[in-house]
C-alpha atoms as a PDB file:
ATOM      1  CA  UNK A   1     -56.077  49.660 -26.729  1.00  0.00           C
ATOM      2  CA  UNK A   2     -55.572  53.399 -26.850  1.00  0.00           C
ATOM      3  CA  UNK A   3     -56.150  54.615 -30.441  1.00  0.00           C
ATOM      4  CA  UNK A   4     -55.389  58.286 -29.680  1.00  0.00           C
ATOM      5  CA  UNK A   5     -52.501  59.859 -31.624  1.00  0.00           C
ATOM      6  CA  UNK A   6     -49.979  62.218 -30.284  1.00  0.00           C
ATOM      7  CA  UNK A   7     -48.222  64.928 -32.273  1.00  0.00           C
ATOM      8  CA  UNK A   8     -45.378  62.574 -33.190  1.00  0.00           C
ATOM      9  CA  UNK A   9     -47.635  59.914 -34.455  1.00  0.00           C
ATOM     10  CA  UNK A  10     -49.596  62.488 -36.590  1.00  0.00           C
ATOM     11  CA  UNK A  11     -46.283  63.801 -38.043  1.00  0.00           C
ATOM     12  CA  UNK A  12     -45.088  60.305 -38.739  1.00  0.00           C
ATOM     13  CA  UNK A  13     -48.371  59.421 -40.456  1.00  0.00           C
ATOM     14  CA  UNK A  14     -48.303  62.548 -42.614  1.00  0.00           C
ATOM     15  CA  UNK A  15     -44.721  61.685 -43.667  1.00  0.00           C
ATOM     16  CA  UNK A  16     -45.715  58.129 -44.544  1.00  0.00           C
ATOM     17  CA  UNK A  17     -48.810  59.312 -46.450  1.00  0.00           C
ATOM     18  CA  UNK A  18     -46.556  61.630 -48.463  1.00  0.00           C
ATOM     19  CA  UNK A  19     -44.104  58.772 -49.206  1.00  0.00           C
ATOM     20  CA  UNK A  20     -44.923  55.372 -47.797  1.00  0.00           C
ATOM     21  CA  UNK A  21     -41.587  54.050 -49.100  1.00  0.00           C
ATOM     22  CA  UNK A  22     -39.528  56.511 -47.096  1.00  0.00           C
ATOM     23  CA  UNK A  23     -36.775  54.703 -45.078  1.00  0.00           C
ATOM     24  CA  UNK A  24     -36.984  54.566 -41.328  1.00  0.00           C
ATOM     25  CA  UNK A  25     -33.630  56.367 -41.187  1.00  0.00           C
ATOM     26  CA  UNK A  26     -34.932  59.262 -43.284  1.00  0.00           C
ATOM     27  CA  UNK A  27     -38.127  59.469 -41.235  1.00  0.00           C
ATOM     28  CA  UNK A  28     -36.113  59.491 -38.088  1.00  0.00           C
ATOM     29  CA  UNK A  29     -33.906  62.409 -39.391  1.00  0.00           C
ATOM     30  CA  UNK A  30     -37.092  64.411 -40.355  1.00  0.00           C
ATOM     31  CA  UNK A  31     -38.732  63.712 -37.008  1.00  0.00           C
ATOM     32  CA  UNK A  32     -35.460  64.197 -35.094  1.00  0.00           C
ATOM     33  CA  UNK A  33     -35.920  60.915 -33.242  1.00  0.00           C
ATOM     34  CA  UNK A  34     -34.104  57.501 -33.156  1.00  0.00           C
ATOM     35  CA  UNK A  35     -34.631  55.122 -36.036  1.00  0.00           C
ATOM     36  CA  UNK A  36     -35.696  52.427 -33.601  1.00  0.00           C
ATOM     37  CA  UNK A  37     -38.422  54.765 -32.253  1.00  0.00           C
ATOM     38  CA  UNK A  38     -39.733  55.149 -35.784  1.00  0.00           C
ATOM     39  CA  UNK A  39     -39.770  51.437 -36.385  1.00  0.00           C
ATOM     40  CA  UNK A  40     -41.530  50.877 -33.041  1.00  0.00           C
ATOM     41  CA  UNK A  41     -44.129  53.599 -33.717  1.00  0.00           C
ATOM     42  CA  UNK A  42     -44.900  52.176 -37.162  1.00  0.00           C
ATOM     43  CA  UNK A  43     -45.275  48.681 -35.763  1.00  0.00           C
ATOM     44  CA  UNK A  44     -47.681  49.943 -33.032  1.00  0.00           C
ATOM     45  CA  UNK A  45     -49.750  51.936 -35.684  1.00  0.00           C
ATOM     46  CA  UNK A  46     -49.982  48.843 -37.803  1.00  0.00           C
ATOM     47  CA  UNK A  47     -50.921  46.647 -34.876  1.00  0.00           C
ATOM     48  CA  UNK A  48     -53.586  49.023 -33.727  1.00  0.00           C
ATOM     49  CA  UNK A  49     -55.047  49.198 -37.225  1.00  0.00           C
ATOM     50  CA  UNK A  50     -54.327  52.905 -37.684  1.00  0.00           C
ATOM     51  CA  UNK A  51     -52.086  52.004 -40.548  1.00  0.00           C
ATOM     52  CA  UNK A  52     -54.093  49.429 -42.480  1.00  0.00           C
ATOM     53  CA  UNK A  53     -51.707  49.053 -45.408  1.00  0.00           C
ATOM     54  CA  UNK A  54     -49.526  50.584 -47.969  1.00  0.00           C
ATOM     55  CA  UNK A  55     -50.318  51.136 -51.639  1.00  0.00           C
ATOM     56  CA  UNK A  56     -49.926  53.098 -54.788  1.00  0.00           C
ATOM     57  CA  UNK A  57     -52.002  56.295 -55.300  1.00  0.00           C
ATOM     58  CA  UNK A  58     -52.396  57.063 -58.926  1.00  0.00           C
ATOM     59  CA  UNK A  59     -51.628  60.604 -60.230  1.00  0.00           C
ATOM     60  CA  UNK A  60     -53.990  62.875 -62.199  1.00  0.00           C
ATOM     61  CA  UNK A  61     -53.381  61.305 -65.653  1.00  0.00           C
ATOM     62  CA  UNK A  62     -54.970  57.873 -65.034  1.00  0.00           C
ATOM     63  CA  UNK A  63     -57.771  59.450 -63.020  1.00  0.00           C
ATOM     64  CA  UNK A  64     -58.554  61.977 -65.764  1.00  0.00           C
ATOM     65  CA  UNK A  65     -58.744  59.254 -68.389  1.00  0.00           C
ATOM     66  CA  UNK A  66     -61.208  57.341 -66.163  1.00  0.00           C
ATOM     67  CA  UNK A  67     -64.986  57.783 -65.980  1.00  0.00           C
ATOM     68  CA  UNK A  68     -65.986  57.703 -62.320  1.00  0.00           C
ATOM     69  CA  UNK A  69     -69.508  57.615 -61.015  1.00  0.00           C
ATOM     70  CA  UNK A  70     -71.428  57.220 -57.707  1.00  0.00           C
ATOM     71  CA  UNK A  71     -74.261  54.821 -57.862  1.00  0.00           C
ATOM     72  CA  UNK A  72     -76.966  54.551 -55.182  1.00  0.00           C
ATOM     73  CA  UNK A  73     -78.370  51.062 -54.838  1.00  0.00           C
ATOM     74  CA  UNK A  74     -81.700  50.142 -53.260  1.00  0.00           C
ATOM     75  CA  UNK A  75     -81.449  46.487 -52.236  1.00  0.00           C
ATOM     76  CA  UNK A  76     -83.815  43.802 -51.091  1.00  0.00           C
ATOM     77  CA  UNK A  77     -82.744  43.181 -47.450  1.00  0.00           C
ATOM     78  CA  UNK A  78     -82.812  39.342 -47.868  1.00  0.00           C
ATOM     79  CA  UNK A  79     -80.461  39.678 -50.919  1.00  0.00           C
ATOM     80  CA  UNK A  80     -77.923  42.123 -49.409  1.00  0.00           C
ATOM     81  CA  UNK A  81     -75.073  39.587 -48.902  1.00  0.00           C
ATOM     82  CA  UNK A  82     -75.525  38.159 -52.413  1.00  0.00           C
ATOM     83  CA  UNK A  83     -75.497  41.676 -53.903  1.00  0.00           C
ATOM     84  CA  UNK A  84     -72.217  42.422 -52.101  1.00  0.00           C
ATOM     85  CA  UNK A  85     -70.704  39.241 -53.411  1.00  0.00           C
ATOM     86  CA  UNK A  86     -71.833  40.129 -56.980  1.00  0.00           C
ATOM     87  CA  UNK A  87     -70.331  43.651 -56.574  1.00  0.00           C
ATOM     88  CA  UNK A  88     -67.065  42.180 -55.338  1.00  0.00           C
ATOM     89  CA  UNK A  89     -66.694  40.342 -58.626  1.00  0.00           C
ATOM     90  CA  UNK A  90     -66.857  43.458 -60.680  1.00  0.00           C
ATOM     91  CA  UNK A  91     -63.455  45.050 -61.163  1.00  0.00           C
ATOM     92  CA  UNK A  92     -65.001  48.473 -61.882  1.00  0.00           C
ATOM     93  CA  UNK A  93     -66.379  48.650 -58.392  1.00  0.00           C
ATOM     94  CA  UNK A  94     -63.809  50.643 -56.330  1.00  0.00           C
ATOM     95  CA  UNK A  95     -65.676  50.994 -53.102  1.00  0.00           C
ATOM     96  CA  UNK A  96     -69.063  50.177 -51.497  1.00  0.00           C
ATOM     97  CA  UNK A  97     -70.544  51.963 -48.487  1.00  0.00           C
ATOM     98  CA  UNK A  98     -73.682  50.930 -46.485  1.00  0.00           C
ATOM     99  CA  UNK A  99     -75.535  54.183 -45.992  1.00  0.00           C
ATOM    100  CA  UNK A 100     -78.678  55.569 -44.423  1.00  0.00           C
ATOM    101  CA  UNK A 101     -81.331  57.461 -46.475  1.00  0.00           C
ATOM    102  CA  UNK A 102     -82.870  56.695 -49.833  1.00  0.00           C
ATOM    103  CA  UNK A 103     -80.333  54.059 -50.828  1.00  0.00           C
ATOM    104  CA  UNK A 104     -78.891  51.067 -49.000  1.00  0.00           C
ATOM    105  CA  UNK A 105     -75.477  51.270 -50.583  1.00  0.00           C
ATOM    106  CA  UNK A 106     -73.334  53.915 -52.340  1.00  0.00           C
ATOM    107  CA  UNK A 107     -70.933  52.395 -54.910  1.00  0.00           C
ATOM    108  CA  UNK A 108     -67.966  54.114 -56.474  1.00  0.00           C
ATOM    109  CA  UNK A 109     -67.527  52.968 -60.064  1.00  0.00           C
ATOM    110  CA  UNK A 110     -64.518  53.515 -62.316  1.00  0.00           C
ATOM    111  CA  UNK A 111     -64.638  52.769 -66.077  1.00  0.00           C
ATOM    112  CA  UNK A 112     -62.378  53.538 -68.968  1.00  0.00           C
ATOM    113  CA  UNK A 113     -65.169  54.949 -71.257  1.00  0.00           C
ATOM    114  CA  UNK A 114     -68.754  56.151 -70.912  1.00  0.00           C
ATOM    115  CA  UNK A 115     -69.742  53.104 -73.012  1.00  0.00           C
ATOM    116  CA  UNK A 116     -68.162  50.789 -70.430  1.00  0.00           C
ATOM    117  CA  UNK A 117     -70.004  52.608 -67.670  1.00  0.00           C
ATOM    118  CA  UNK A 118     -73.305  52.233 -69.612  1.00  0.00           C
ATOM    119  CA  UNK A 119     -72.714  48.456 -69.907  1.00  0.00           C
ATOM    120  CA  UNK A 120     -71.776  48.243 -66.251  1.00  0.00           C
ATOM    121  CA  UNK A 121     -74.942  50.008 -65.156  1.00  0.00           C
ATOM    122  CA  UNK A 122     -76.956  47.568 -67.262  1.00  0.00           C
ATOM    123  CA  UNK A 123     -75.160  44.669 -65.387  1.00  0.00           C
ATOM    124  CA  UNK A 124     -75.906  46.287 -62.083  1.00  0.00           C
ATOM    125  CA  UNK A 125     -79.606  46.473 -62.918  1.00  0.00           C
ATOM    126  CA  UNK A 126     -79.644  42.765 -63.707  1.00  0.00           C
ATOM    127  CA  UNK A 127     -78.181  41.672 -60.304  1.00  0.00           C
ATOM    128  CA  UNK A 128     -80.934  39.795 -58.358  1.00  0.00           C
ATOM    129  CA  UNK A 129     -81.796  41.833 -55.207  1.00  0.00           C
ATOM    130  CA  UNK A 130     -81.047  45.269 -56.643  1.00  0.00           C
ATOM    131  CA  UNK A 131     -84.361  47.110 -56.831  1.00  0.00           C
ATOM    132  CA  UNK A 132     -83.248  50.583 -57.985  1.00  0.00           C
ATOM    133  CA  UNK A 133     -80.146  52.406 -58.992  1.00  0.00           C
ATOM    134  CA  UNK A 134     -79.348  56.129 -59.347  1.00  0.00           C
ATOM    135  CA  UNK A 135     -76.065  57.230 -60.851  1.00  0.00           C
ATOM    136  CA  UNK A 136     -74.120  60.540 -60.796  1.00  0.00           C
ATOM    137  CA  UNK A 137     -71.073  60.828 -63.015  1.00  0.00           C
ATOM    138  CA  UNK A 138     -68.102  62.632 -61.377  1.00  0.00           C
ATOM    139  CA  UNK A 139     -67.152  65.775 -63.325  1.00  0.00           C
ATOM    140  CA  UNK A 140     -64.256  66.858 -61.126  1.00  0.00           C
ATOM    141  CA  UNK A 141     -62.736  66.521 -57.659  1.00  0.00           C
ATOM    142  CA  UNK A 142     -62.864  69.795 -55.662  1.00  0.00           C
ATOM    143  CA  UNK A 143     -61.396  68.674 -52.370  1.00  0.00           C
ATOM    144  CA  UNK A 144     -59.326  65.542 -51.562  1.00  0.00           C
ATOM    145  CA  UNK A 145     -58.621  64.968 -47.866  1.00  0.00           C
ATOM    146  CA  UNK A 146     -57.781  61.273 -48.279  1.00  0.00           C
ATOM    147  CA  UNK A 147     -54.169  62.055 -47.379  1.00  0.00           C
ATOM    148  CA  UNK A 148     -55.048  64.222 -44.356  1.00  0.00           C
ATOM    149  CA  UNK A 149     -54.305  62.753 -41.006  1.00  0.00           C
ATOM    150  CA  UNK A 150     -57.252  62.828 -38.615  1.00  0.00           C
ATOM    151  CA  UNK A 151     -57.153  61.983 -34.879  1.00  0.00           C
ATOM    152  CA  UNK A 152     -59.211  61.797 -31.779  1.00  0.00           C
ATOM    153  CA  UNK A 153     -58.449  63.934 -28.785  1.00  0.00           C
END
């Protein structure tokens, strides 16, 4: 399977990231190619896992109302899978990354209020297998490249 993207793939992905609900006909017009080519390319990108899904990206208002924090977790290695299962049950946990360095996992948390975050951090500290936490509250986002298309040469 060749996961390299050509210029047309990158342009198509950029258009989909700007508006995932754009019709194949409109995409074809913008790309100056046949609608069937757009449909085939999207199907290939989905099949190869380059397009993993479609969703809603919230605007600034809901994000500004939320309290977000990054929490580093040191975990007992034998309890790692149980810790992940416990984190999956918490709706405030948006993302979990396994990382190298001082912590085993970095967790992105989202709460409605600072008080909710405080209670959540207490809950995290009570999960069997979590030895240490360190939390940094997000003050503002300076760069957001989540919508940028990256490719390999």
